[in-house]
Amino acid sequence: MSTFFANVKGMSDISLKAIQKSVIDCLERDDQLPEGQEKAYGVREFSYWRDMSNEIEAELDRRGIIYNKICW
């Protein structure tokens, strides 16, 4: 597992959910742009977005927290 956050296990539930929601929001904004237009965030273009999201989702799952998973 990558380490985008030095201590993802030490982050609060609220922080993890907020970051995950931000990834979802950025993905939705990118997806709303017309095809061929440069994406503002590049969520689908840069693997670190998915890696970061996977790390956060794994921690949320470990804690048994309900959240909206990203449908890639």
PDB file of N, CA and C in Angstrom:
ATOM      1  N   MET A   1       0.848  -1.183   0.000  1.00  0.00           N
ATOM      2  CA  MET A   1       0.000   0.000   0.000  1.00  0.00           C
ATOM      3  C   MET A   1       0.892   1.243   0.000  1.00  0.00           C
ATOM      4  N   SER A   2       0.516   2.225  -0.754  1.00  0.00           N
ATOM      5  CA  SER A   2       1.267   3.473  -0.793  1.00  0.00           C
ATOM      6  C   SER A   2       1.011   4.272   0.483  1.00  0.00           C
ATOM      7  N   THR A   3       1.763   5.319   0.638  1.00  0.00           N
ATOM      8  CA  THR A   3       1.577   6.156   1.826  1.00  0.00           C
ATOM      9  C   THR A   3       1.437   7.614   1.411  1.00  0.00           C
ATOM     10  N   PHE A   4       0.266   7.962   0.942  1.00  0.00           N
ATOM     11  CA  PHE A   4       0.016   9.340   0.567  1.00  0.00           C
ATOM     12  C   PHE A   4      -0.070  10.220   1.789  1.00  0.00           C
ATOM     13  N   PHE A   5      -0.510   9.635   2.859  1.00  0.00           N
ATOM     14  CA  PHE A   5      -0.597  10.362   4.112  1.00  0.00           C
ATOM     15  C   PHE A   5       0.350   9.688   5.083  1.00  0.00           C
ATOM     16  N   ALA A   6       1.140  10.471   5.771  1.00  0.00           N
ATOM     17  CA  ALA A   6       2.134   9.910   6.677  1.00  0.00           C
ATOM     18  C   ALA A   6       1.485   8.998   7.707  1.00  0.00           C
ATOM     19  N   ASN A   7       0.273   9.335   8.128  1.00  0.00           N
ATOM     20  CA  ASN A   7      -0.375   8.552   9.170  1.00  0.00           C
ATOM     21  C   ASN A   7      -1.874   8.493   8.918  1.00  0.00           C
ATOM     22  N   VAL A   8      -2.263   7.793   7.863  1.00  0.00           N
ATOM     23  CA  VAL A   8      -3.688   7.698   7.526  1.00  0.00           C
ATOM     24  C   VAL A   8      -4.467   7.068   8.675  1.00  0.00           C
ATOM     25  N   LYS A   9      -3.846   6.156   9.402  1.00  0.00           N
ATOM     26  CA  LYS A   9      -4.518   5.521  10.538  1.00  0.00           C
ATOM     27  C   LYS A   9      -4.750   6.507  11.675  1.00  0.00           C
ATOM     28  N   GLY A  10      -3.981   7.564  11.723  1.00  0.00           N
ATOM     29  CA  GLY A  10      -4.133   8.565  12.772  1.00  0.00           C
ATOM     30  C   GLY A  10      -5.122   9.668  12.434  1.00  0.00           C
ATOM     31  N   MET A  11      -5.643   9.660  11.212  1.00  0.00           N
ATOM     32  CA  MET A  11      -6.594  10.696  10.807  1.00  0.00           C
ATOM     33  C   MET A  11      -7.965  10.387  11.380  1.00  0.00           C
ATOM     34  N   SER A  12      -8.725  11.436  11.634  1.00  0.00           N
ATOM     35  CA  SER A  12     -10.077  11.256  12.167  1.00  0.00           C
ATOM     36  C   SER A  12     -11.005  10.704  11.097  1.00  0.00           C
ATOM     37  N   ASP A  13     -12.093  10.096  11.545  1.00  0.00           N
ATOM     38  CA  ASP A  13     -13.104   9.579  10.614  1.00  0.00           C
ATOM     39  C   ASP A  13     -13.622  10.694   9.718  1.00  0.00           C
ATOM     40  N   ILE A  14     -13.885  11.833  10.316  1.00  0.00           N
ATOM     41  CA  ILE A  14     -14.431  12.968   9.556  1.00  0.00           C
ATOM     42  C   ILE A  14     -13.446  13.425   8.485  1.00  0.00           C
ATOM     43  N   SER A  15     -12.161  13.468   8.822  1.00  0.00           N
ATOM     44  CA  SER A  15     -11.145  13.884   7.850  1.00  0.00           C
ATOM     45  C   SER A  15     -11.076  12.910   6.686  1.00  0.00           C
ATOM     46  N   LEU A  16     -11.063  11.626   6.993  1.00  0.00           N
ATOM     47  CA  LEU A  16     -11.001  10.623   5.923  1.00  0.00           C
ATOM     48  C   LEU A  16     -12.216  10.722   5.004  1.00  0.00           C
ATOM     49  N   LYS A  17     -13.389  10.873   5.587  1.00  0.00           N
ATOM     50  CA  LYS A  17     -14.604  10.984   4.772  1.00  0.00           C
ATOM     51  C   LYS A  17     -14.596  12.260   3.943  1.00  0.00           C
ATOM     52  N   ALA A  18     -14.067  13.345   4.492  1.00  0.00           N
ATOM     53  CA  ALA A  18     -14.009  14.614   3.759  1.00  0.00           C
ATOM     54  C   ALA A  18     -13.065  14.509   2.565  1.00  0.00           C
ATOM     55  N   ILE A  19     -11.929  13.871   2.758  1.00  0.00           N
ATOM     56  CA  ILE A  19     -10.988  13.713   1.652  1.00  0.00           C
ATOM     57  C   ILE A  19     -11.593  12.823   0.576  1.00  0.00           C
ATOM     58  N   GLN A  20     -12.224  11.729   0.981  1.00  0.00           N
ATOM     59  CA  GLN A  20     -12.857  10.828   0.019  1.00  0.00           C
ATOM     60  C   GLN A  20     -13.947  11.555  -0.761  1.00  0.00           C
ATOM     61  N   LYS A  21     -14.734  12.362  -0.083  1.00  0.00           N
ATOM     62  CA  LYS A  21     -15.788  13.145  -0.749  1.00  0.00           C
ATOM     63  C   LYS A  21     -15.172  14.134  -1.735  1.00  0.00           C
ATOM     64  N   SER A  22     -14.042  14.710  -1.384  1.00  0.00           N
ATOM     65  CA  SER A  22     -13.367  15.640  -2.284  1.00  0.00           C
ATOM     66  C   SER A  22     -12.904  14.943  -3.561  1.00  0.00           C
ATOM     67  N   VAL A  23     -12.409  13.724  -3.430  1.00  0.00           N
ATOM     68  CA  VAL A  23     -12.004  12.959  -4.613  1.00  0.00           C
ATOM     69  C   VAL A  23     -13.216  12.719  -5.503  1.00  0.00           C
ATOM     70  N   ILE A  24     -14.326  12.341  -4.904  1.00  0.00           N
ATOM     71  CA  ILE A  24     -15.561  12.114  -5.666  1.00  0.00           C
ATOM     72  C   ILE A  24     -15.986  13.396  -6.375  1.00  0.00           C
ATOM     73  N   ASP A  25     -15.948  14.513  -5.681  1.00  0.00           N
ATOM     74  CA  ASP A  25     -16.336  15.797  -6.278  1.00  0.00           C
ATOM     75  C   ASP A  25     -15.438  16.159  -7.459  1.00  0.00           C
ATOM     76  N   CYS A  26     -14.129  15.977  -7.302  1.00  0.00           N
ATOM     77  CA  CYS A  26     -13.199  16.283  -8.394  1.00  0.00           C
ATOM     78  C   CYS A  26     -13.435  15.370  -9.589  1.00  0.00           C
ATOM     79  N   LEU A  27     -13.681  14.103  -9.329  1.00  0.00           N
ATOM     80  CA  LEU A  27     -13.968  13.147 -10.407  1.00  0.00           C
ATOM     81  C   LEU A  27     -15.235  13.552 -11.151  1.00  0.00           C
ATOM     82  N   GLU A  28     -16.269  13.914 -10.414  1.00  0.00           N
ATOM     83  CA  GLU A  28     -17.523  14.334 -11.048  1.00  0.00           C
ATOM     84  C   GLU A  28     -17.329  15.591 -11.889  1.00  0.00           C
ATOM     85  N   ARG A  29     -16.558  16.544 -11.390  1.00  0.00           N
ATOM     86  CA  ARG A  29     -16.306  17.775 -12.161  1.00  0.00           C
ATOM     87  C   ARG A  29     -15.545  17.460 -13.449  1.00  0.00           C
ATOM     88  N   ASP A  30     -14.525  16.619 -13.333  1.00  0.00           N
ATOM     89  CA  ASP A  30     -13.790  16.221 -14.537  1.00  0.00           C
ATOM     90  C   ASP A  30     -14.710  15.535 -15.536  1.00  0.00           C
ATOM     91  N   ASP A  31     -15.531  14.622 -15.049  1.00  0.00           N
ATOM     92  CA  ASP A  31     -16.407  13.851 -15.937  1.00  0.00           C
ATOM     93  C   ASP A  31     -17.478  14.715 -16.597  1.00  0.00           C
ATOM     94  N   GLN A  32     -17.816  15.849 -16.019  1.00  0.00           N
ATOM     95  CA  GLN A  32     -18.831  16.730 -16.593  1.00  0.00           C
ATOM     96  C   GLN A  32     -18.294  17.558 -17.757  1.00  0.00           C
ATOM     97  N   LEU A  33     -16.980  17.652 -17.873  1.00  0.00           N
ATOM     98  CA  LEU A  33     -16.396  18.422 -18.968  1.00  0.00           C
ATOM     99  C   LEU A  33     -16.525  17.642 -20.273  1.00  0.00           C
ATOM    100  N   PRO A  34     -16.710  18.352 -21.379  1.00  0.00           N
ATOM    101  CA  PRO A  34     -16.843  17.669 -22.671  1.00  0.00           C
ATOM    102  C   PRO A  34     -15.589  16.858 -23.004  1.00  0.00           C
ATOM    103  N   GLU A  35     -15.794  15.761 -23.727  1.00  0.00           N
ATOM    104  CA  GLU A  35     -14.673  14.930 -24.155  1.00  0.00           C
ATOM    105  C   GLU A  35     -13.719  15.763 -25.001  1.00  0.00           C
ATOM    106  N   GLY A  36     -12.450  15.569 -24.780  1.00  0.00           N
ATOM    107  CA  GLY A  36     -11.440  16.315 -25.517  1.00  0.00           C
ATOM    108  C   GLY A  36     -10.989  17.573 -24.799  1.00  0.00           C
ATOM    109  N   GLN A  37     -11.760  18.031 -23.842  1.00  0.00           N
ATOM    110  CA  GLN A  37     -11.371  19.208 -23.075  1.00  0.00           C
ATOM    111  C   GLN A  37     -10.467  18.776 -21.926  1.00  0.00           C
ATOM    112  N   GLU A  38      -9.438  19.570 -21.662  1.00  0.00           N
ATOM    113  CA  GLU A  38      -8.516  19.234 -20.585  1.00  0.00           C
ATOM    114  C   GLU A  38      -9.263  19.212 -19.257  1.00  0.00           C
ATOM    115  N   LYS A  39      -9.053  18.148 -18.517  1.00  0.00           N
ATOM    116  CA  LYS A  39      -9.731  17.972 -17.228  1.00  0.00           C
ATOM    117  C   LYS A  39      -9.025  18.815 -16.162  1.00  0.00           C
ATOM    118  N   ALA A  40      -9.796  19.465 -15.342  1.00  0.00           N
ATOM    119  CA  ALA A  40      -9.242  20.366 -14.328  1.00  0.00           C
ATOM    120  C   ALA A  40      -8.374  19.629 -13.321  1.00  0.00           C
ATOM    121  N   TYR A  41      -8.787  18.424 -12.940  1.00  0.00           N
ATOM    122  CA  TYR A  41      -8.086  17.697 -11.880  1.00  0.00           C
ATOM    123  C   TYR A  41      -7.327  16.483 -12.395  1.00  0.00           C
ATOM    124  N   GLY A  42      -7.719  15.932 -13.496  1.00  0.00           N
ATOM    125  CA  GLY A  42      -7.048  14.770 -14.058  1.00  0.00           C
ATOM    126  C   GLY A  42      -7.195  13.515 -13.210  1.00  0.00           C
ATOM    127  N   VAL A  43      -8.356  13.357 -12.584  1.00  0.00           N
ATOM    128  CA  VAL A  43      -8.565  12.239 -11.661  1.00  0.00           C
ATOM    129  C   VAL A  43      -8.399  10.895 -12.359  1.00  0.00           C
ATOM    130  N   ARG A  44      -8.923  10.768 -13.552  1.00  0.00           N
ATOM    131  CA  ARG A  44      -8.797   9.492 -14.269  1.00  0.00           C
ATOM    132  C   ARG A  44      -7.443   9.363 -14.975  1.00  0.00           C
ATOM    133  N   GLU A  45      -6.765  10.473 -15.181  1.00  0.00           N
ATOM    134  CA  GLU A  45      -5.505  10.453 -15.912  1.00  0.00           C
ATOM    135  C   GLU A  45      -4.300  10.150 -15.025  1.00  0.00           C
ATOM    136  N   PHE A  46      -4.370  10.476 -13.761  1.00  0.00           N
ATOM    137  CA  PHE A  46      -3.228  10.322 -12.857  1.00  0.00           C
ATOM    138  C   PHE A  46      -3.547   9.284 -11.790  1.00  0.00           C
ATOM    139  N   SER A  47      -2.742   8.245 -11.744  1.00  0.00           N
ATOM    140  CA  SER A  47      -3.013   7.102 -10.868  1.00  0.00           C
ATOM    141  C   SER A  47      -2.968   7.446  -9.382  1.00  0.00           C
ATOM    142  N   TYR A  48      -2.288   8.527  -9.017  1.00  0.00           N
ATOM    143  CA  TYR A  48      -2.205   8.842  -7.589  1.00  0.00           C
ATOM    144  C   TYR A  48      -3.571   9.143  -6.987  1.00  0.00           C
ATOM    145  N   TRP A  49      -4.506   9.620  -7.784  1.00  0.00           N
ATOM    146  CA  TRP A  49      -5.857   9.854  -7.266  1.00  0.00           C
ATOM    147  C   TRP A  49      -6.473   8.537  -6.803  1.00  0.00           C
ATOM    148  N   ARG A  50      -6.379   7.523  -7.645  1.00  0.00           N
ATOM    149  CA  ARG A  50      -6.948   6.218  -7.302  1.00  0.00           C
ATOM    150  C   ARG A  50      -6.180   5.590  -6.139  1.00  0.00           C
ATOM    151  N   ASP A  51      -4.868   5.720  -6.162  1.00  0.00           N
ATOM    152  CA  ASP A  51      -4.061   5.174  -5.073  1.00  0.00           C
ATOM    153  C   ASP A  51      -4.435   5.820  -3.740  1.00  0.00           C
ATOM    154  N   MET A  52      -4.584   7.136  -3.750  1.00  0.00           N
ATOM    155  CA  MET A  52      -4.960   7.864  -2.539  1.00  0.00           C
ATOM    156  C   MET A  52      -6.347   7.419  -2.075  1.00  0.00           C
ATOM    157  N   SER A  53      -7.276   7.334  -2.999  1.00  0.00           N
ATOM    158  CA  SER A  53      -8.631   6.929  -2.661  1.00  0.00           C
ATOM    159  C   SER A  53      -8.651   5.506  -2.106  1.00  0.00           C
ATOM    160  N   ASN A  54      -7.885   4.607  -2.721  1.00  0.00           N
ATOM    161  CA  ASN A  54      -7.831   3.227  -2.235  1.00  0.00           C
ATOM    162  C   ASN A  54      -7.289   3.157  -0.815  1.00  0.00           C
ATOM    163  N   GLU A  55      -6.295   3.957  -0.537  1.00  0.00           N
ATOM    164  CA  GLU A  55      -5.718   3.986   0.806  1.00  0.00           C
ATOM    165  C   GLU A  55      -6.741   4.472   1.826  1.00  0.00           C
ATOM    166  N   ILE A  56      -7.454   5.517   1.483  1.00  0.00           N
ATOM    167  CA  ILE A  56      -8.473   6.065   2.386  1.00  0.00           C
ATOM    168  C   ILE A  56      -9.624   5.076   2.547  1.00  0.00           C
ATOM    169  N   GLU A  57     -10.089   4.493   1.440  1.00  0.00           N
ATOM    170  CA  GLU A  57     -11.189   3.536   1.523  1.00  0.00           C
ATOM    171  C   GLU A  57     -10.812   2.316   2.354  1.00  0.00           C
ATOM    172  N   ALA A  58      -9.578   1.860   2.234  1.00  0.00           N
ATOM    173  CA  ALA A  58      -9.133   0.710   3.030  1.00  0.00           C
ATOM    174  C   ALA A  58      -9.199   1.035   4.525  1.00  0.00           C
ATOM    175  N   GLU A  59      -8.817   2.238   4.877  1.00  0.00           N
ATOM    176  CA  GLU A  59      -8.867   2.636   6.292  1.00  0.00           C
ATOM    177  C   GLU A  59     -10.316   2.803   6.763  1.00  0.00           C
ATOM    178  N   LEU A  60     -11.157   3.386   5.922  1.00  0.00           N
ATOM    179  CA  LEU A  60     -12.570   3.514   6.286  1.00  0.00           C
ATOM    180  C   LEU A  60     -13.204   2.135   6.446  1.00  0.00           C
ATOM    181  N   ASP A  61     -12.878   1.215   5.561  1.00  0.00           N
ATOM    182  CA  ASP A  61     -13.387  -0.158   5.677  1.00  0.00           C
ATOM    183  C   ASP A  61     -12.897  -0.803   6.968  1.00  0.00           C
ATOM    184  N   ARG A  62     -11.623  -0.622   7.268  1.00  0.00           N
ATOM    185  CA  ARG A  62     -11.042  -1.201   8.477  1.00  0.00           C
ATOM    186  C   ARG A  62     -11.778  -0.721   9.725  1.00  0.00           C
ATOM    187  N   ARG A  63     -12.213   0.545   9.681  1.00  0.00           N
ATOM    188  CA  ARG A  63     -12.924   1.136  10.817  1.00  0.00           C
ATOM    189  C   ARG A  63     -14.415   0.802  10.815  1.00  0.00           C
ATOM    190  N   GLY A  64     -14.899   0.196   9.744  1.00  0.00           N
ATOM    191  CA  GLY A  64     -16.314  -0.136   9.655  1.00  0.00           C
ATOM    192  C   GLY A  64     -17.200   1.065   9.412  1.00  0.00           C
ATOM    193  N   ILE A  65     -16.664   2.078   8.771  1.00  0.00           N
ATOM    194  CA  ILE A  65     -17.394   3.319   8.505  1.00  0.00           C
ATOM    195  C   ILE A  65     -18.125   3.204   7.175  1.00  0.00           C
ATOM    196  N   ILE A  66     -19.363   3.643   7.154  1.00  0.00           N
ATOM    197  CA  ILE A  66     -20.154   3.654   5.927  1.00  0.00           C
ATOM    198  C   ILE A  66     -19.846   4.945   5.166  1.00  0.00           C
ATOM    199  N   TYR A  67     -19.604   4.799   3.875  1.00  0.00           N
ATOM    200  CA  TYR A  67     -19.273   5.953   3.019  1.00  0.00           C
ATOM    201  C   TYR A  67     -19.605   5.566   1.581  1.00  0.00           C
ATOM    202  N   ASN A  68     -19.557   6.548   0.692  1.00  0.00           N
ATOM    203  CA  ASN A  68     -19.799   6.302  -0.735  1.00  0.00           C
ATOM    204  C   ASN A  68     -18.486   5.928  -1.405  1.00  0.00           C
ATOM    205  N   LYS A  69     -18.407   4.697  -1.879  1.00  0.00           N
ATOM    206  CA  LYS A  69     -17.224   4.242  -2.590  1.00  0.00           C
ATOM    207  C   LYS A  69     -17.207   4.841  -3.995  1.00  0.00           C
ATOM    208  N   ILE A  70     -16.027   5.024  -4.515  1.00  0.00           N
ATOM    209  CA  ILE A  70     -15.886   5.560  -5.857  1.00  0.00           C
ATOM    210  C   ILE A  70     -16.075   4.443  -6.867  1.00  0.00           C
ATOM    211  N   CYS A  71     -16.908   4.695  -7.854  1.00  0.00           N
ATOM    212  CA  CYS A  71     -17.118   3.750  -8.961  1.00  0.00           C
ATOM    213  C   CYS A  71     -16.202   4.196 -10.090  1.00  0.00           C
ATOM    214  N   TRP A  72     -15.077   3.551 -10.213  1.00  0.00           N
ATOM    215  CA  TRP A  72     -14.131   3.921 -11.241  1.00  0.00           C
ATOM    216  C   TRP A  72     -14.573   3.378 -12.573  1.00  0.00           C
TER     217      TRP A  72
END
